[in-house]
Amino acid sequence: MEFSLIERIRERTAQGREDVRIGIGDDAAVLILPTGQEQVVAIDTMVEGVHFPPGTSSADIGWKALAVNLSDLAAMGASPAWALLALTMPHADVDFVDGFAEGFAELARPYRLALVGGDTTRGALTVSVAVHGFAPPGKTLTRAAARVGDAILVTGTLGDAAAGLYCLQHAVEASSHRDYLVGRLNRPAPRVAAGMALRDIAHACIDVSDGLLADLGHICIASGVGAEIEAGLLPHSSAMLSLFGDTTARDFALSGGDDYELCFTVPAAHVAEAMADLARMGCGATRIGRVVEGQGVQVRDAQGQWLDTSRRGWEHFSR
């Protein structure tokens, strides 16, 4: 049964690439590294009840399992190429596998990303995906190069995924706004093109997976700097503002995870250029603060008062 499931995945995710010499079907993949490029590799694991609620459709799980990894490549300014998949399920569920593979393939196709191998096994529903991408030598973005005086920007809008999870957990009445927020939770849009466009502009970059405060905090630690955020500048979707008040929207934006937007720093002189480039790509960017001397992230409200930001975001082993 295992091999028939693998074949179903292979059929639905097939993607021809000239740099894949041997893909699914052998003991290991054989891949051709492009000349003059550095390889960028990331891996993420998703567990039912932690990264997606029970009852999430298999197609949405397939999409998100790939999206969260593509977001890591985006944060490094890399272009995607290949992926490996390890899928653990309680039992051999053909319908689940078919839906999963369709969702995975739907996101993979625009990037010509090839699934080149992996494994299936029995156990609690868990998905691990490893992605491989490329970037020109010395052009990868990191967390460690933010500089005092840089502007801090984010793509898209923040807090939507956390709001979508709240809608599911609290049975918020169905509406187009609710559907939008739940969609942002289940099918995040990795900002791959934005990350590549920022290679020559941004100093530091990270994707917002655990919450803005937590992830911007990683940049601060890696770069040895502090950050000041203006709460009134945080970008919110119209769906968020229609269902939640300003304070709740702000809290979702600061501490909610799963948005997979990019948070990055750029020299003040290049803010307009970065915003124009990302506007042309459809995701846009908003300036929300600045890099300062010191450490940690501070948030100022519209009245100029510092907010209590003790709730920083998601941590797997804090509970």
Protein backbone atom coordinates (compact mmCIF):
# COMPACT_ATOMS: atom_id res chain seq x y z
CA MET A 1 0.00 0.00 0.00
CA GLU A 2 2.84 2.39 0.82
CA PHE A 3 4.21 2.25 -2.71
CA SER A 4 0.81 2.86 -4.26
CA LEU A 5 0.43 5.97 -2.09
CA ILE A 6 3.86 7.17 -3.19
CA GLU A 7 2.88 6.62 -6.82
CA ARG A 8 -0.30 8.65 -6.33
CA ILE A 9 1.77 11.51 -4.92
CA ARG A 10 4.30 11.24 -7.75
CA GLU A 11 1.59 11.34 -10.42
CA ARG A 12 -0.07 14.43 -8.97
CA THR A 13 3.11 16.39 -8.29
CA ALA A 14 5.10 15.54 -11.42
CA GLN A 15 7.11 18.54 -12.61
CA GLY A 16 9.71 18.23 -15.30
CA ARG A 17 13.03 19.94 -14.63
CA GLU A 18 16.25 19.54 -16.55
CA ASP A 19 18.26 19.62 -13.32
CA VAL A 20 16.56 16.48 -11.92
CA ARG A 21 18.44 13.46 -13.28
CA ILE A 22 16.76 10.92 -10.96
CA GLY A 23 13.70 11.81 -8.92
CA ILE A 24 11.04 9.78 -7.12
CA GLY A 25 11.39 6.02 -7.55
CA ASP A 26 14.95 5.27 -6.50
CA ASP A 27 16.75 5.12 -3.16
CA ALA A 28 17.82 8.74 -3.51
CA ALA A 29 17.46 11.64 -5.91
CA VAL A 30 20.25 12.72 -8.24
CA LEU A 31 20.21 16.47 -8.84
CA ILE A 32 22.35 18.77 -10.95
CA LEU A 33 23.55 21.91 -9.19
CA PRO A 34 23.46 25.01 -11.41
CA THR A 35 26.76 26.68 -12.17
CA GLY A 36 27.46 29.89 -10.31
CA GLN A 37 24.68 29.53 -7.71
CA GLU A 38 24.70 28.81 -3.99
CA GLN A 39 22.29 26.18 -2.67
CA VAL A 40 19.80 27.26 0.00
CA VAL A 41 18.06 24.52 2.01
CA ALA A 42 15.24 24.65 4.57
CA ILE A 43 13.02 22.13 6.35
CA ASP A 44 9.83 22.51 8.39
CA THR A 45 7.55 20.04 10.14
CA MET A 46 3.80 20.46 10.63
CA VAL A 47 1.86 18.48 13.25
CA GLU A 48 -1.92 18.18 13.45
CA GLY A 49 -3.27 20.19 16.36
CA VAL A 50 -0.14 22.36 16.50
CA HIS A 51 0.31 23.80 13.01
CA PHE A 52 -3.15 23.14 11.62
CA PRO A 53 -6.46 22.40 13.39
CA PRO A 54 -7.99 18.91 13.20
CA GLY A 55 -10.45 18.85 10.33
CA THR A 56 -8.31 21.00 8.02
CA SER A 57 -8.77 19.77 4.45
CA SER A 58 -5.97 17.64 3.08
CA ALA A 59 -5.54 20.01 0.11
CA ASP A 60 -4.99 22.93 2.47
CA ILE A 61 -2.48 20.87 4.48
CA GLY A 62 -0.60 20.04 1.28
CA TRP A 63 -0.51 23.69 0.24
CA LYS A 64 0.59 24.94 3.64
CA ALA A 65 3.26 22.25 4.13
CA LEU A 66 5.01 23.58 1.05
CA ALA A 67 4.17 27.26 1.63
CA VAL A 68 5.89 27.48 5.02
CA ASN A 69 9.09 26.16 3.47
CA LEU A 70 8.92 28.41 0.42
CA SER A 71 8.53 31.27 2.87
CA ASP A 72 11.89 30.34 4.42
CA LEU A 73 13.50 30.46 0.98
CA ALA A 74 11.79 33.80 0.37
CA ALA A 75 13.30 35.21 3.56
CA MET A 76 16.73 34.26 2.23
CA GLY A 77 16.10 35.71 -1.23
CA ALA A 78 16.31 32.28 -2.88
CA SER A 79 14.45 30.83 -5.85
CA PRO A 80 12.85 27.37 -5.27
CA ALA A 81 13.87 24.26 -7.21
CA TRP A 82 13.32 20.91 -5.44
CA ALA A 83 11.51 19.43 -2.44
CA LEU A 84 11.51 16.27 -0.32
CA LEU A 85 8.39 15.11 1.55
CA ALA A 86 7.98 12.91 4.61
CA LEU A 87 4.29 12.16 5.26
CA THR A 88 3.14 10.33 8.41
CA MET A 89 -0.52 9.28 8.65
CA PRO A 90 -2.56 7.20 11.12
CA HIS A 91 -3.65 4.90 8.26
CA ALA A 92 -3.41 4.60 4.48
CA ASP A 93 -6.05 7.13 3.43
CA VAL A 94 -6.13 7.38 -0.36
CA ASP A 95 -8.53 10.32 -0.40
CA PHE A 96 -6.34 12.25 2.02
CA VAL A 97 -3.23 11.56 -0.06
CA ASP A 98 -4.93 12.61 -3.30
CA GLY A 99 -6.14 15.88 -1.76
CA PHE A 100 -2.79 16.55 -0.11
CA ALA A 101 -0.90 16.01 -3.35
CA GLU A 102 -3.27 18.27 -5.27
CA GLY A 103 -2.84 21.12 -2.78
CA PHE A 104 0.94 20.66 -2.74
CA ALA A 105 1.12 20.59 -6.54
CA GLU A 106 -1.11 23.63 -6.93
CA LEU A 107 1.43 25.77 -5.10
CA ALA A 108 4.47 24.03 -6.60
CA ARG A 109 3.51 24.55 -10.26
CA PRO A 110 4.11 28.33 -10.53
CA TYR A 111 7.65 27.80 -9.24
CA ARG A 112 8.35 24.70 -11.36
CA LEU A 113 9.29 23.08 -8.06
CA ALA A 114 9.91 19.35 -8.40
CA LEU A 115 9.14 16.85 -5.64
CA VAL A 116 12.15 14.55 -5.96
CA GLY A 117 11.72 12.06 -3.09
CA GLY A 118 10.62 11.39 0.46
CA ASP A 119 8.93 8.81 2.64
CA THR A 120 5.55 7.70 3.97
CA THR A 121 4.97 6.02 7.32
CA ARG A 122 2.28 5.32 9.91
CA GLY A 123 1.76 7.47 12.99
CA ALA A 124 0.18 10.74 14.15
CA LEU A 125 -0.57 13.07 11.23
CA THR A 126 2.73 14.88 10.62
CA VAL A 127 4.22 16.44 7.51
CA SER A 128 7.86 17.37 6.96
CA VAL A 129 9.00 19.12 3.80
CA ALA A 130 12.56 20.05 2.87
CA VAL A 131 13.06 22.56 0.07
CA HIS A 132 16.15 23.37 -1.96
CA GLY A 133 16.64 26.64 -3.80
CA PHE A 134 19.35 28.82 -5.27
CA ALA A 135 20.75 32.32 -4.98
CA PRO A 136 23.70 34.11 -6.55
CA PRO A 137 26.88 33.86 -4.45
CA GLY A 138 26.90 36.30 -1.57
CA LYS A 139 23.35 37.51 -2.27
CA THR A 140 21.39 35.52 0.30
CA LEU A 141 19.53 37.57 2.89
CA THR A 142 20.13 36.80 6.56
CA ARG A 143 18.96 37.93 9.98
CA ALA A 144 22.36 39.21 11.00
CA ALA A 145 22.95 42.37 8.95
CA ALA A 146 20.43 44.94 10.26
CA ARG A 147 22.05 48.30 10.99
CA VAL A 148 21.15 51.13 13.32
CA GLY A 149 19.13 53.67 11.34
CA ASP A 150 17.56 51.09 9.02
CA ALA A 151 13.83 51.30 8.42
CA ILE A 152 11.78 48.22 9.31
CA LEU A 153 9.16 47.11 6.80
CA VAL A 154 6.73 44.21 6.36
CA THR A 155 4.99 42.84 3.32
CA GLY A 156 1.22 42.38 3.13
CA THR A 157 -0.92 42.57 6.26
CA LEU A 158 -0.26 41.12 9.70
CA GLY A 159 -2.36 39.06 12.10
CA ASP A 160 -4.78 37.60 9.57
CA ALA A 161 -3.83 33.97 10.19
CA ALA A 162 -4.13 34.31 13.97
CA ALA A 163 -7.52 35.96 13.47
CA GLY A 164 -8.53 33.08 11.17
CA LEU A 165 -7.59 30.55 13.84
CA TYR A 166 -9.62 32.53 16.38
CA CYS A 167 -12.60 32.39 14.00
CA LEU A 168 -12.35 28.60 13.82
CA GLN A 169 -11.85 28.11 17.54
CA HIS A 170 -14.73 30.40 18.51
CA ALA A 171 -17.17 29.45 15.76
CA VAL A 172 -17.37 33.00 14.40
CA GLU A 173 -20.38 33.37 12.12
CA ALA A 174 -19.69 32.64 8.46
CA SER A 175 -19.02 35.66 6.26
CA SER A 176 -16.72 36.71 3.45
CA HIS A 177 -14.42 38.37 6.02
CA ARG A 178 -14.24 35.20 8.11
CA ASP A 179 -13.54 33.13 5.00
CA TYR A 180 -10.73 35.48 3.99
CA LEU A 181 -9.03 35.21 7.38
CA VAL A 182 -9.38 31.42 7.53
CA GLY A 183 -7.98 31.28 4.00
CA ARG A 184 -4.95 33.26 5.13
CA LEU A 185 -4.42 30.66 7.86
CA ASN A 186 -4.83 27.63 5.62
CA ARG A 187 -3.21 28.91 2.42
CA PRO A 188 -0.50 31.47 3.16
CA ALA A 189 1.17 33.12 0.17
CA PRO A 190 4.96 32.76 0.35
CA ARG A 191 6.63 36.00 -0.76
CA VAL A 192 9.24 34.38 -2.99
CA ALA A 193 9.35 37.12 -5.64
CA ALA A 194 9.55 39.79 -2.95
CA GLY A 195 12.49 38.06 -1.28
CA MET A 196 14.38 37.86 -4.57
CA ALA A 197 13.68 41.54 -5.26
CA LEU A 198 15.10 42.49 -1.86
CA ARG A 199 18.49 40.84 -2.42
CA ASP A 200 20.19 44.11 -3.38
CA ILE A 201 18.13 46.41 -1.14
CA ALA A 202 17.52 44.80 2.25
CA HIS A 203 20.11 44.43 4.98
CA ALA A 204 18.27 41.76 7.02
CA CYS A 205 15.14 39.68 6.47
CA ILE A 206 12.99 37.03 8.18
CA ASP A 207 9.59 35.53 7.56
CA VAL A 208 6.85 36.12 10.13
CA SER A 209 5.97 32.60 11.25
CA ASP A 210 5.89 32.87 15.04
CA GLY A 211 4.66 36.47 15.31
CA LEU A 212 6.18 39.86 14.48
CA LEU A 213 7.60 40.50 17.94
CA ALA A 214 9.24 37.09 18.14
CA ASP A 215 10.62 37.07 14.61
CA LEU A 216 11.83 40.68 14.56
CA GLY A 217 13.41 39.82 17.90
CA HIS A 218 15.48 37.17 16.11
CA ILE A 219 16.82 39.85 13.76
CA CYS A 220 17.70 42.03 16.74
CA ILE A 221 19.58 39.23 18.48
CA ALA A 222 21.44 38.13 15.35
CA SER A 223 22.34 41.71 14.40
CA GLY A 224 23.09 43.02 17.89
CA VAL A 225 20.57 45.86 17.63
CA GLY A 226 17.20 46.96 18.98
CA ALA A 227 13.96 47.83 17.20
CA GLU A 228 11.19 50.36 17.74
CA ILE A 229 7.77 49.72 16.21
CA GLU A 230 4.90 52.19 15.80
CA ALA A 231 1.69 50.28 16.52
CA GLY A 232 -0.36 52.74 14.49
CA LEU A 233 1.59 51.84 11.35
CA LEU A 234 0.94 48.08 11.49
CA PRO A 235 -0.89 47.01 8.30
CA HIS A 236 -4.29 45.35 8.81
CA SER A 237 -6.60 43.77 6.24
CA SER A 238 -10.11 45.13 5.78
CA ALA A 239 -11.41 41.70 6.86
CA MET A 240 -9.53 41.97 10.14
CA LEU A 241 -10.81 45.47 10.86
CA SER A 242 -14.37 44.47 9.96
CA LEU A 243 -14.46 41.63 12.51
CA PHE A 244 -12.17 42.88 15.28
CA GLY A 245 -11.48 46.14 17.09
CA ASP A 246 -8.26 48.09 16.77
CA THR A 247 -6.73 46.70 19.97
CA THR A 248 -7.41 43.08 19.06
CA ALA A 249 -6.16 43.66 15.52
CA ARG A 250 -2.97 45.17 16.93
CA ASP A 251 -2.44 42.20 19.27
CA PHE A 252 -2.97 39.70 16.45
CA ALA A 253 -0.49 41.64 14.29
CA LEU A 254 2.19 41.77 16.99
CA SER A 255 1.95 38.28 18.46
CA GLY A 256 -0.02 36.13 16.01
CA GLY A 257 1.89 33.63 13.92
CA ASP A 258 1.41 31.89 10.57
CA ASP A 259 1.25 35.03 8.40
CA TYR A 260 4.44 34.15 6.48
CA GLU A 261 4.92 37.74 5.43
CA LEU A 262 8.46 39.12 5.24
CA CYS A 263 9.88 41.49 7.84
CA PHE A 264 13.00 43.24 6.61
CA THR A 265 15.27 46.21 7.20
CA VAL A 266 16.53 48.61 4.55
CA PRO A 267 18.56 51.82 4.62
CA ALA A 268 16.24 54.81 4.99
CA ALA A 269 17.35 56.06 1.57
CA HIS A 270 15.99 52.92 -0.12
CA VAL A 271 12.56 52.72 1.54
CA ALA A 272 10.71 54.28 -1.41
CA GLU A 273 12.48 51.96 -3.85
CA ALA A 274 11.62 48.85 -1.82
CA MET A 275 7.99 49.91 -1.42
CA ALA A 276 7.64 50.64 -5.14
CA ASP A 277 9.19 47.31 -6.14
CA LEU A 278 6.93 45.28 -3.85
CA ALA A 279 3.85 47.28 -4.83
CA ARG A 280 4.47 46.21 -8.44
CA MET A 281 4.52 42.59 -7.24
CA GLY A 282 1.12 42.92 -5.63
CA CYS A 283 2.08 42.28 -2.00
CA GLY A 284 3.14 45.81 -1.11
CA ALA A 285 5.21 46.81 1.91
CA THR A 286 4.63 49.05 4.91
CA ARG A 287 7.20 50.92 6.98
CA ILE A 288 6.47 50.12 10.64
CA GLY A 289 9.54 51.22 12.59
CA ARG A 290 13.28 51.61 12.77
CA VAL A 291 16.41 49.84 13.95
CA VAL A 292 18.02 51.46 17.00
CA GLU A 293 20.93 50.90 19.33
CA GLY A 294 20.23 48.53 22.21
CA GLN A 295 18.42 45.23 22.23
CA GLY A 296 14.93 43.78 21.91
CA VAL A 297 11.76 45.10 20.31
CA GLN A 298 9.73 47.95 21.76
CA VAL A 299 6.30 49.08 20.56
CA ARG A 300 4.91 52.60 20.89
CA ASP A 301 1.16 53.34 20.71
CA ALA A 302 -0.47 56.30 18.95
CA GLN A 303 -0.07 58.42 22.10
CA GLY A 304 3.66 57.76 22.24
CA GLN A 305 3.45 55.38 25.20
CA TRP A 306 5.44 52.14 25.28
CA LEU A 307 3.22 49.05 25.26
CA ASP A 308 3.59 45.94 27.39
CA THR A 309 4.76 43.32 24.92
CA SER A 310 5.36 40.43 27.29
CA ARG A 311 3.42 38.11 24.98
CA ARG A 312 5.94 37.83 22.18
CA GLY A 313 4.58 35.04 19.99
CA TRP A 314 4.56 31.28 19.54
CA GLU A 315 7.19 29.09 21.22
CA HIS A 316 6.89 25.32 20.82
CA PHE A 317 8.32 24.32 24.19
CA SER A 318 6.94 27.09 26.39
CA ARG A 319 3.82 25.11 27.36
